[in-house]
N, C-alpha and C. Protein backbone atom coordinates (compact mmCIF):
# COMPACT_ATOMS: atom_id res chain seq x y z
N MET A 1 42.42 19.72 -50.64
CA MET A 1 41.24 19.88 -50.62
C MET A 1 41.00 18.61 -50.99
N LYS A 2 41.24 17.86 -52.13
CA LYS A 2 40.43 16.22 -52.42
C LYS A 2 40.93 15.26 -51.71
N GLU A 3 41.92 15.68 -49.84
CA GLU A 3 42.02 14.86 -49.16
C GLU A 3 41.03 14.65 -47.92
N GLN A 4 41.48 16.63 -48.39
CA GLN A 4 39.62 17.23 -47.09
C GLN A 4 38.58 15.97 -47.00
N THR A 5 38.04 16.97 -48.25
CA THR A 5 37.09 15.85 -48.41
C THR A 5 36.94 13.88 -47.98
N MET A 6 38.25 13.41 -48.39
CA MET A 6 37.80 11.88 -48.54
C MET A 6 37.97 11.80 -47.66
N THR A 7 38.96 12.92 -46.39
CA THR A 7 38.87 12.68 -44.76
C THR A 7 37.27 12.79 -44.57
N ARG A 8 36.42 13.57 -45.14
CA ARG A 8 34.81 13.58 -44.37
C ARG A 8 34.22 12.72 -44.70
N ARG A 9 34.10 12.42 -46.04
CA ARG A 9 33.44 11.30 -46.37
C ARG A 9 33.50 9.76 -45.41
N MET A 10 35.58 10.13 -45.49
CA MET A 10 34.90 8.69 -43.82
C MET A 10 35.18 8.28 -42.82
N PHE A 11 34.95 9.90 -42.37
CA PHE A 11 33.92 9.95 -41.28
C PHE A 11 32.24 10.28 -41.34
N GLN A 12 31.68 10.25 -42.19
CA GLN A 12 30.25 10.21 -42.57
C GLN A 12 30.16 8.60 -42.85
N VAL A 13 30.68 7.89 -43.22
CA VAL A 13 30.52 6.39 -44.01
C VAL A 13 31.16 6.25 -42.35
N GLY A 14 32.29 6.12 -41.43
CA GLY A 14 32.71 5.84 -40.31
C GLY A 14 30.69 5.44 -39.16
N PHE A 15 30.68 7.26 -39.43
CA PHE A 15 29.75 7.75 -38.20
C PHE A 15 28.60 6.66 -38.49
N TRP A 16 27.97 6.88 -39.47
CA TRP A 16 26.54 6.15 -40.46
C TRP A 16 26.61 4.74 -39.83
N GLY A 17 27.71 4.13 -39.97
CA GLY A 17 28.01 2.39 -40.01
C GLY A 17 27.87 2.15 -38.72
N VAL A 18 28.73 3.36 -37.87
CA VAL A 18 28.59 2.92 -36.35
C VAL A 18 27.15 2.97 -35.93
N LEU A 19 26.62 3.99 -35.91
CA LEU A 19 24.99 3.92 -36.50
C LEU A 19 23.93 3.51 -36.11
N ALA A 20 24.12 2.69 -37.49
CA ALA A 20 23.13 1.10 -37.72
C ALA A 20 23.39 0.33 -37.19
N VAL A 21 25.09 0.23 -36.30
CA VAL A 21 24.99 -1.27 -35.72
C VAL A 21 24.45 -0.63 -34.09
N LEU A 22 24.53 0.65 -34.07
CA LEU A 22 24.06 0.78 -32.70
C LEU A 22 22.48 0.68 -32.88
N MET A 23 22.06 0.92 -33.97
CA MET A 23 20.66 0.45 -34.11
C MET A 23 19.74 -0.01 -34.33
N ALA A 24 20.61 -1.57 -34.67
CA ALA A 24 20.44 -2.61 -35.44
C ALA A 24 20.70 -3.47 -33.72
N CYS A 25 21.78 -2.78 -32.42
CA CYS A 25 21.52 -3.27 -31.41
C CYS A 25 20.27 -2.98 -30.67
N HIS A 26 20.15 -2.41 -30.83
CA HIS A 26 18.64 -1.19 -29.89
C HIS A 26 18.23 -2.19 -30.58
N VAL A 27 16.98 -2.24 -32.14
CA VAL A 27 16.48 -3.21 -32.17
C VAL A 27 16.33 -4.02 -31.61
N ALA A 28 17.14 -5.13 -31.99
CA ALA A 28 17.27 -6.54 -31.02
C ALA A 28 17.61 -6.80 -29.56
N ALA A 29 17.81 -5.64 -28.68
CA ALA A 29 17.91 -5.59 -27.22
C ALA A 29 15.99 -5.34 -26.51
N ALA A 30 15.05 -4.70 -27.86
CA ALA A 30 14.29 -4.07 -27.56
C ALA A 30 13.03 -5.31 -27.77
N GLN A 31 13.74 -5.65 -29.06
CA GLN A 31 12.47 -6.98 -29.38
C GLN A 31 12.87 -7.77 -28.10
N GLU A 32 14.05 -8.32 -27.63
CA GLU A 32 14.08 -8.64 -26.63
C GLU A 32 13.60 -8.59 -25.01
N MET A 33 13.01 -7.29 -24.75
CA MET A 33 12.34 -7.45 -23.69
C MET A 33 10.81 -7.22 -23.21
N LYS A 34 10.66 -7.79 -22.37
CA LYS A 34 9.11 -8.37 -22.03
C LYS A 34 8.60 -7.19 -20.93
N VAL A 35 7.45 -6.05 -21.23
CA VAL A 35 6.93 -5.76 -20.55
C VAL A 35 5.98 -5.45 -20.01
N GLY A 36 5.05 -5.38 -18.95
CA GLY A 36 3.78 -5.89 -18.02
C GLY A 36 3.70 -4.40 -17.71
N TYR A 37 2.73 -4.32 -17.10
CA TYR A 37 1.64 -3.16 -15.52
C TYR A 37 0.82 -3.88 -14.78
N VAL A 38 0.71 -3.69 -13.79
CA VAL A 38 -0.72 -4.40 -12.73
C VAL A 38 -1.14 -2.81 -12.66
N ARG A 39 -2.32 -2.73 -12.30
CA ARG A 39 -3.13 -2.40 -11.48
C ARG A 39 -2.77 -2.32 -9.80
N LEU A 40 -2.02 -2.03 -9.13
CA LEU A 40 -1.63 -2.31 -7.79
C LEU A 40 -2.75 -1.53 -6.76
N THR A 41 -3.75 -1.16 -7.13
CA THR A 41 -4.33 -0.64 -6.17
C THR A 41 -5.97 -1.80 -6.54
N ASP A 42 -5.46 -2.46 -7.50
CA ASP A 42 -6.13 -3.37 -8.00
C ASP A 42 -6.78 -4.56 -6.91
N LEU A 43 -5.00 -4.52 -6.98
CA LEU A 43 -4.16 -6.12 -6.40
C LEU A 43 -4.33 -6.40 -4.77
N PHE A 44 -4.44 -5.01 -4.19
CA PHE A 44 -4.32 -4.13 -3.43
C PHE A 44 -5.83 -5.30 -2.49
N ASN A 45 -6.85 -3.73 -3.51
CA ASN A 45 -8.16 -3.94 -2.50
C ASN A 45 -8.49 -5.38 -2.76
N ASN A 46 -8.74 -6.30 -3.89
CA ASN A 46 -8.96 -7.54 -4.40
C ASN A 46 -8.40 -9.49 -3.53
N TYR A 47 -6.70 -8.90 -3.27
CA TYR A 47 -6.21 -9.47 -2.11
C TYR A 47 -6.92 -9.89 -0.85
N GLU A 48 -6.98 -11.09 -1.46
CA GLU A 48 -7.72 -11.57 -0.29
C GLU A 48 -7.71 -11.40 1.20
N ARG A 49 -6.50 -10.71 1.90
CA ARG A 49 -6.28 -11.06 3.01
C ARG A 49 -5.98 -9.90 3.11
N THR A 50 -6.38 -8.55 1.84
CA THR A 50 -6.54 -7.16 2.49
C THR A 50 -8.27 -7.53 3.29
N LYS A 51 -8.44 -7.85 1.98
CA LYS A 51 -9.98 -8.43 3.11
C LYS A 51 -10.09 -8.60 4.16
N LEU A 52 -9.42 -9.90 4.22
CA LEU A 52 -9.93 -10.06 5.42
C LEU A 52 -9.60 -9.45 7.07
N SER A 53 -8.08 -8.76 6.50
CA SER A 53 -7.61 -7.25 7.74
C SER A 53 -7.77 -6.68 7.70
N GLU A 54 -9.42 -6.05 6.58
CA GLU A 54 -10.12 -5.01 7.48
C GLU A 54 -11.23 -5.38 7.92
N SER A 55 -10.73 -6.55 7.25
CA SER A 55 -12.56 -7.44 8.71
C SER A 55 -12.21 -7.12 9.74
N THR A 56 -11.31 -7.50 10.01
CA THR A 56 -10.77 -8.37 12.07
C THR A 56 -10.49 -6.96 12.41
N LEU A 57 -9.45 -5.53 11.22
CA LEU A 57 -9.87 -4.23 11.56
C LEU A 57 -11.02 -3.53 12.16
N GLU A 58 -11.71 -3.16 11.33
CA GLU A 58 -13.10 -3.32 11.43
C GLU A 58 -13.34 -3.60 13.10
N LYS A 59 -13.70 -4.70 13.35
CA LYS A 59 -14.20 -5.60 14.36
C LYS A 59 -13.96 -5.40 15.42
N LYS A 60 -12.37 -5.41 15.54
CA LYS A 60 -11.50 -4.59 16.77
C LYS A 60 -11.82 -3.13 16.75
N GLY A 61 -11.55 -2.41 16.23
CA GLY A 61 -12.65 -0.37 15.94
C GLY A 61 -13.90 -0.85 16.38
N LYS A 62 -14.90 -1.39 16.03
CA LYS A 62 -15.53 -1.39 17.30
C LYS A 62 -15.79 -2.09 18.50
N GLN A 63 -14.62 -2.79 18.46
CA GLN A 63 -14.83 -3.01 20.03
C GLN A 63 -14.41 -2.28 21.22
N LYS A 64 -13.39 -2.26 20.21
CA LYS A 64 -12.99 0.01 21.25
C LYS A 64 -13.73 0.59 20.96
N ASP A 65 -14.58 0.95 19.88
CA ASP A 65 -15.78 1.59 20.06
C ASP A 65 -16.66 1.21 21.37
N THR A 66 -17.48 0.49 21.49
CA THR A 66 -18.25 -0.37 22.31
C THR A 66 -17.65 0.22 23.58
N GLU A 67 -16.48 0.13 24.03
CA GLU A 67 -15.55 0.22 25.02
C GLU A 67 -15.62 1.34 25.85
N LEU A 68 -15.10 2.20 24.57
CA LEU A 68 -15.40 4.18 24.81
C LEU A 68 -16.46 4.42 24.50
N GLN A 69 -17.81 4.01 24.66
CA GLN A 69 -18.72 4.79 24.57
C GLN A 69 -19.18 4.12 25.97
N GLY A 70 -19.03 3.11 26.71
CA GLY A 70 -19.03 2.43 28.51
C GLY A 70 -18.66 3.86 28.89
N ARG A 71 -17.20 4.12 28.64
CA ARG A 71 -16.59 5.63 29.00
C ARG A 71 -16.89 6.41 29.66
N ILE A 72 -17.60 6.39 28.39
CA ILE A 72 -18.32 7.33 28.10
C ILE A 72 -19.48 8.10 28.88
N ASN A 73 -20.28 7.20 28.59
CA ASN A 73 -21.84 6.75 29.90
C ASN A 73 -21.28 7.19 31.53
N GLU A 74 -19.94 5.85 32.06
CA GLU A 74 -19.96 6.10 33.14
C GLU A 74 -19.59 7.55 33.44
N LEU A 75 -18.91 8.70 32.53
CA LEU A 75 -18.28 9.52 32.73
C LEU A 75 -19.91 10.85 33.21
N LYS A 76 -20.74 10.57 31.88
CA LYS A 76 -22.09 11.32 33.04
C LYS A 76 -22.15 10.75 33.42
N LYS A 77 -22.95 9.70 33.54
CA LYS A 77 -22.97 9.20 35.24
C LYS A 77 -22.26 9.62 36.33
N LEU A 78 -21.54 9.84 36.72
CA LEU A 78 -20.59 10.63 37.41
C LEU A 78 -20.93 12.29 37.03
N ARG A 79 -21.02 12.81 36.36
CA ARG A 79 -21.81 14.04 36.19
C ARG A 79 -22.73 13.98 36.90
N GLU A 80 -23.76 14.17 36.40
CA GLU A 80 -24.67 13.84 36.57
C GLU A 80 -24.87 13.95 38.56
N SER A 81 -24.44 12.37 39.24
CA SER A 81 -24.34 12.14 40.24
C SER A 81 -23.52 13.69 41.28
N LEU A 82 -23.06 15.00 40.45
CA LEU A 82 -22.17 15.87 41.11
C LEU A 82 -23.41 16.84 41.03
N GLU A 83 -24.19 16.34 40.69
CA GLU A 83 -25.38 17.94 41.58
C GLU A 83 -25.77 17.52 42.46
N LEU A 84 -26.19 16.59 42.46
CA LEU A 84 -26.94 15.72 43.83
C LEU A 84 -26.21 16.13 45.40
N LEU A 85 -24.75 16.03 45.23
CA LEU A 85 -24.19 16.34 46.28
C LEU A 85 -23.61 17.58 46.78
N SER A 86 -23.37 17.62 48.04
CA SER A 86 -22.90 19.06 48.65
C SER A 86 -21.65 19.42 48.07
N ASP A 87 -21.61 20.52 48.54
CA ASP A 87 -20.32 21.18 48.32
C ASP A 87 -18.93 20.44 48.88
N GLN A 88 -19.51 19.87 49.53
CA GLN A 88 -17.89 19.14 49.87
C GLN A 88 -17.72 18.01 49.03
N ALA A 89 -18.66 17.28 49.12
CA ALA A 89 -18.51 15.85 48.87
C ALA A 89 -18.74 16.03 46.93
N ARG A 90 -19.12 17.48 46.36
CA ARG A 90 -18.47 17.44 44.31
C ARG A 90 -17.86 18.27 44.86
N GLU A 91 -16.89 19.32 45.64
CA GLU A 91 -15.49 18.70 44.94
C GLU A 91 -14.72 17.39 45.23
N ALA A 92 -14.92 16.49 45.68
CA ALA A 92 -14.24 15.29 45.62
C ALA A 92 -14.32 14.53 44.23
N LYS A 93 -15.52 14.80 44.48
CA LYS A 93 -16.01 13.82 43.44
C LYS A 93 -15.56 14.82 41.92
N ALA A 94 -15.33 15.59 41.94
CA ALA A 94 -15.26 16.79 40.42
C ALA A 94 -13.75 16.50 39.79
N ARG A 95 -12.90 15.50 41.00
CA ARG A 95 -11.63 15.27 40.96
C ARG A 95 -11.37 14.04 40.10
N GLU A 96 -12.75 13.44 40.81
CA GLU A 96 -12.38 12.02 40.09
C GLU A 96 -13.41 11.60 38.51
N VAL A 97 -14.45 13.14 39.08
CA VAL A 97 -14.61 13.59 36.88
C VAL A 97 -13.75 13.97 36.31
N GLU A 98 -12.39 14.61 36.56
CA GLU A 98 -11.75 15.18 36.09
C GLU A 98 -10.31 14.16 35.49
N GLN A 99 -10.15 13.55 36.64
CA GLN A 99 -9.15 12.00 36.61
C GLN A 99 -9.91 11.19 35.58
N LYS A 100 -11.19 11.03 35.39
CA LYS A 100 -11.56 10.35 34.54
C LYS A 100 -12.11 10.87 32.69
N GLN A 101 -12.59 12.14 33.30
CA GLN A 101 -12.02 12.48 31.51
C GLN A 101 -10.79 12.52 31.13
N ASP A 102 -9.81 12.96 31.33
CA ASP A 102 -8.13 12.38 31.60
C ASP A 102 -7.94 10.95 30.60
N GLU A 103 -9.02 10.16 31.90
CA GLU A 103 -8.28 9.05 31.06
C GLU A 103 -9.63 8.35 30.10
N LEU A 104 -10.77 8.93 29.41
CA LEU A 104 -10.90 9.03 28.49
C LEU A 104 -10.15 9.34 27.53
N GLN A 105 -9.45 10.47 27.69
CA GLN A 105 -9.13 11.16 26.21
C GLN A 105 -8.01 10.31 25.84
N ARG A 106 -7.29 9.74 26.85
CA ARG A 106 -6.30 8.98 26.46
C ARG A 106 -6.50 7.90 26.60
N PHE A 107 -7.24 7.41 26.74
CA PHE A 107 -7.63 5.76 25.93
C PHE A 107 -7.97 6.27 24.66
N ARG A 108 -9.02 7.31 24.68
CA ARG A 108 -9.05 7.54 22.82
C ARG A 108 -8.17 7.81 21.97
N THR A 109 -7.10 8.83 21.80
CA THR A 109 -5.50 8.92 21.91
C THR A 109 -5.02 7.42 21.26
N ASN A 110 -4.58 6.98 22.22
CA ASN A 110 -3.94 5.19 22.74
C ASN A 110 -5.54 4.60 21.67
N THR A 111 -5.99 3.56 21.47
CA THR A 111 -7.01 3.04 20.73
C THR A 111 -6.84 3.96 18.87
N LEU A 112 -7.14 5.19 18.96
CA LEU A 112 -6.76 5.64 17.11
C LEU A 112 -5.19 5.54 16.96
N ARG A 113 -4.33 5.36 18.05
CA ARG A 113 -3.18 5.44 17.56
C ARG A 113 -2.23 3.90 17.34
N ASP A 114 -3.05 3.01 18.10
CA ASP A 114 -2.49 1.15 17.86
C ASP A 114 -3.81 0.67 17.19
N LEU A 115 -5.30 1.41 16.51
CA LEU A 115 -5.63 1.00 15.03
C LEU A 115 -4.27 1.53 13.77
N LYS A 116 -4.17 2.40 14.40
CA LYS A 116 -3.43 3.31 13.32
C LYS A 116 -2.21 2.56 12.71
N ARG A 117 -1.38 1.90 14.03
CA ARG A 117 -0.16 1.52 13.78
C ARG A 117 -1.18 -0.16 13.02
N ASP A 118 -1.75 -1.20 13.94
CA ASP A 118 -2.25 -2.22 13.60
C ASP A 118 -1.89 -1.94 11.53
N ARG A 119 -2.88 -0.92 11.41
CA ARG A 119 -3.95 -1.10 10.05
C ARG A 119 -2.32 -0.73 9.00
N ASP A 120 -1.22 0.10 9.46
CA ASP A 120 -0.21 0.01 8.14
C ASP A 120 0.82 -0.52 9.10
N LYS A 121 0.79 -1.85 9.12
CA LYS A 121 1.67 -3.28 10.06
C LYS A 121 0.86 -3.67 8.71
N GLU A 122 -0.43 -4.25 8.62
CA GLU A 122 -1.01 -5.47 8.04
C GLU A 122 -0.93 -5.35 6.37
N ALA A 123 -0.54 -3.45 6.03
CA ALA A 123 -1.06 -2.81 4.97
C ALA A 123 1.00 -2.51 4.34
N ASN A 124 2.00 -2.79 4.99
CA ASN A 124 2.90 -2.76 4.06
C ASN A 124 3.93 -4.63 4.46
N ALA A 125 2.73 -5.24 4.60
CA ALA A 125 3.35 -7.26 5.34
C ALA A 125 1.85 -7.08 3.73
N ILE A 126 0.75 -6.72 3.03
CA ILE A 126 0.39 -7.27 2.07
C ILE A 126 0.71 -6.57 0.46
N PHE A 127 1.50 -5.53 1.01
CA PHE A 127 2.31 -4.17 -0.43
C PHE A 127 3.80 -5.79 0.03
N GLY A 128 4.03 -5.69 0.65
CA GLY A 128 5.21 -7.36 0.91
C GLY A 128 5.10 -8.67 -0.26
N ASP A 129 3.82 -9.05 0.56
CA ASP A 129 3.58 -10.22 -0.62
C ASP A 129 3.33 -9.44 -1.98
N ILE A 130 2.82 -8.49 -2.48
CA ILE A 130 2.56 -7.84 -2.98
C ILE A 130 3.71 -8.26 -4.46
N GLN A 131 4.16 -7.37 -3.86
CA GLN A 131 5.77 -7.32 -4.42
C GLN A 131 6.45 -8.10 -4.19
N LYS A 132 6.28 -9.59 -3.36
CA LYS A 132 6.82 -10.72 -3.81
C LYS A 132 6.38 -11.70 -5.58
N ALA A 133 5.29 -11.22 -5.46
CA ALA A 133 4.29 -12.36 -5.87
C ALA A 133 4.74 -11.30 -7.04
N VAL A 134 4.66 -10.07 -7.26
CA VAL A 134 5.11 -9.32 -8.82
C VAL A 134 6.45 -9.73 -9.84
N GLU A 135 7.39 -9.93 -8.21
CA GLU A 135 8.49 -10.56 -8.55
C GLU A 135 9.16 -11.43 -9.19
N GLU A 136 8.06 -12.93 -8.59
CA GLU A 136 8.16 -14.05 -8.62
C GLU A 136 7.86 -14.26 -9.69
N PHE A 137 6.09 -13.58 -10.47
CA PHE A 137 5.81 -13.49 -11.43
C PHE A 137 7.11 -12.91 -12.47
N ALA A 138 7.20 -11.98 -12.54
CA ALA A 138 7.86 -11.37 -13.41
C ALA A 138 9.86 -12.52 -14.29
N LYS A 139 9.85 -13.42 -13.25
CA LYS A 139 10.59 -13.69 -13.54
C LYS A 139 10.33 -15.47 -14.27
N ALA A 140 9.42 -16.22 -13.41
CA ALA A 140 8.77 -17.34 -14.36
C ALA A 140 8.28 -16.64 -15.82
N ASN A 141 7.78 -15.48 -16.13
CA ASN A 141 7.78 -15.45 -17.07
C ASN A 141 7.96 -14.15 -18.27
N GLY A 142 9.36 -14.42 -17.77
CA GLY A 142 10.36 -13.57 -18.48
C GLY A 142 10.32 -12.37 -19.38
N PHE A 143 9.33 -12.05 -17.81
CA PHE A 143 9.03 -10.42 -18.27
C PHE A 143 10.88 -9.63 -17.83
N SER A 144 11.28 -7.97 -18.80
CA SER A 144 11.98 -7.93 -17.90
C SER A 144 12.05 -6.72 -17.08
N MET A 145 10.39 -6.15 -16.76
CA MET A 145 10.53 -5.27 -16.17
C MET A 145 8.55 -5.14 -15.60
N ILE A 146 7.80 -5.42 -15.18
CA ILE A 146 6.39 -4.52 -14.72
C ILE A 146 6.34 -3.27 -13.90
N LEU A 147 5.33 -2.65 -15.12
CA LEU A 147 5.63 -0.71 -14.74
C LEU A 147 4.15 -1.45 -13.35
N LYS A 148 4.15 -0.12 -12.50
CA LYS A 148 2.87 0.60 -11.66
C LYS A 148 1.64 0.91 -12.31
N GLU A 149 0.61 0.78 -12.94
CA GLU A 149 0.09 1.85 -13.47
C GLU A 149 -0.02 2.87 -13.14
N GLU A 150 -0.72 3.33 -11.48
CA GLU A 150 -0.78 4.01 -10.84
C GLU A 150 0.44 5.08 -10.89
N GLN A 151 -0.09 6.34 -11.16
CA GLN A 151 1.24 7.27 -10.71
C GLN A 151 2.90 6.80 -12.69
N VAL A 152 2.36 5.89 -13.29
CA VAL A 152 4.33 5.36 -13.99
C VAL A 152 3.39 5.29 -15.18
N LEU A 153 2.01 5.03 -15.88
CA LEU A 153 1.88 4.62 -16.54
C LEU A 153 0.91 5.46 -16.83
N LEU A 154 0.93 6.34 -18.76
CA LEU A 154 0.10 6.79 -19.00
C LEU A 154 -1.27 6.49 -19.69
N TYR A 155 -0.25 4.96 -20.96
CA TYR A 155 -1.28 4.67 -21.21
C TYR A 155 -0.71 3.11 -21.29
N GLY A 156 -1.45 2.11 -21.70
CA GLY A 156 -0.59 0.87 -21.38
C GLY A 156 -2.06 0.23 -22.43
N THR A 157 -1.25 -0.69 -23.19
CA THR A 157 -2.60 -2.17 -23.72
C THR A 157 -2.49 -2.29 -23.15
N PRO A 158 -4.17 -3.36 -22.85
CA PRO A 158 -4.31 -4.22 -22.08
C PRO A 158 -4.28 -5.80 -22.13
N THR A 159 -3.22 -5.93 -22.95
CA THR A 159 -2.38 -7.11 -23.42
C THR A 159 -1.23 -7.08 -22.27
N TYR A 160 -0.72 -6.06 -21.74
CA TYR A 160 0.89 -5.67 -21.18
C TYR A 160 -0.50 -5.65 -19.62
N ASP A 161 -1.45 -5.87 -19.39
CA ASP A 161 -1.50 -5.96 -17.78
C ASP A 161 -1.77 -7.34 -17.52
N VAL A 162 -1.66 -7.42 -16.65
CA VAL A 162 -1.01 -8.83 -15.91
C VAL A 162 -0.84 -8.78 -13.94
N THR A 163 -1.72 -7.99 -13.32
CA THR A 163 -2.15 -7.97 -12.31
C THR A 163 -3.36 -8.56 -12.25
N ASP A 164 -5.02 -9.38 -13.18
CA ASP A 164 -5.51 -10.76 -13.04
C ASP A 164 -4.62 -11.75 -12.39
N ALA A 165 -3.87 -11.77 -13.87
CA ALA A 165 -2.52 -13.43 -12.90
C ALA A 165 -2.02 -13.65 -11.92
N ILE A 166 -1.93 -11.91 -11.26
CA ILE A 166 -0.63 -12.10 -10.36
C ILE A 166 -2.00 -11.88 -8.96
N LEU A 167 -3.01 -12.04 -9.43
CA LEU A 167 -4.43 -11.87 -8.09
C LEU A 167 -4.32 -13.12 -8.24
N LYS A 168 -5.24 -13.80 -8.49
CA LYS A 168 -5.39 -14.99 -9.15
C LYS A 168 -3.76 -15.74 -8.01
N THR A 169 -2.94 -15.67 -8.50
CA THR A 169 -1.35 -16.65 -8.13
C THR A 169 -1.65 -15.41 -6.24
N LEU A 170 -1.62 -14.62 -5.61
CA LEU A 170 -1.16 -14.39 -4.21
C LEU A 170 -3.00 -14.93 -3.81
N ASN A 171 -4.14 -14.82 -4.50
CA ASN A 171 -5.41 -15.29 -3.61
C ASN A 171 -5.00 -17.14 -3.58
N GLY A 172 -4.77 -17.39 -4.51
CA GLY A 172 -4.31 -19.00 -4.71
C GLY A 172 -3.62 -19.31 -4.00
N ARG A 173 -2.48 -18.51 -3.09
CA ARG A 173 -1.35 -19.03 -2.08
C ARG A 173 -2.17 -18.56 -0.65
N TYR A 174 -2.40 -17.47 -0.96
CA TYR A 174 -2.78 -16.70 0.83
C TYR A 174 -4.32 -17.77 1.37
N GLY A 175 -5.06 -18.32 0.13
CA GLY A 175 -6.01 -18.93 0.20
C GLY A 175 -5.42 -20.34 0.76
N GLY A 176 -4.59 -21.80 0.60
CA GLY A 176 -3.80 -21.96 0.99
C GLY A 176 -3.29 -22.06 2.17
N LYS A 177 -3.05 -20.99 3.11
CA LYS A 177 -2.25 -21.07 4.72
C LYS A 177 -3.68 -20.30 4.91
N ASN A 178 -4.54 -20.03 4.66
CA ASN A 178 -5.90 -20.01 5.84
C ASN A 178 -6.59 -21.47 6.02
N GLN A 179 -5.98 -21.92 4.55
CA GLN A 179 -7.62 -23.39 5.23
C GLN A 179 -7.36 -24.40 6.22
């Protein structure tokens, strides 16, 4: 009985000793960990490259819209001219109208696809810039990790928000490239 109590006591002392060492290691490791977070939406929206890209894509969209309106007007004129033609001439012109209508639909579809592809390509490049800037900032400033506020972080003390510092770096780099 005494031997069993002694074994149990040694086990308890050993268990609590190991637990104390593990907790001490965990506390020491936690003290060395430096964590920050970014507001990714703010980085994306306030990055100068994003603003320029949106402006460029908007201009391209307006140009395509102007071209589309021209094609629509041309199609309307063709339809109006159908009414003035004889039955035989109307039939030939109707095929031309149908062909123009198909071309208009293809133009519209291709334009939307191309604009979406361009927007996606540019957004991916911008997110690549942001990812690289975050990684470089983390390494240069001793961060163990930088979290994304959206979808990951429920609360973060503003002290750990590094968004503005990274945005300043991003815009500084991009401004230097474009001047």
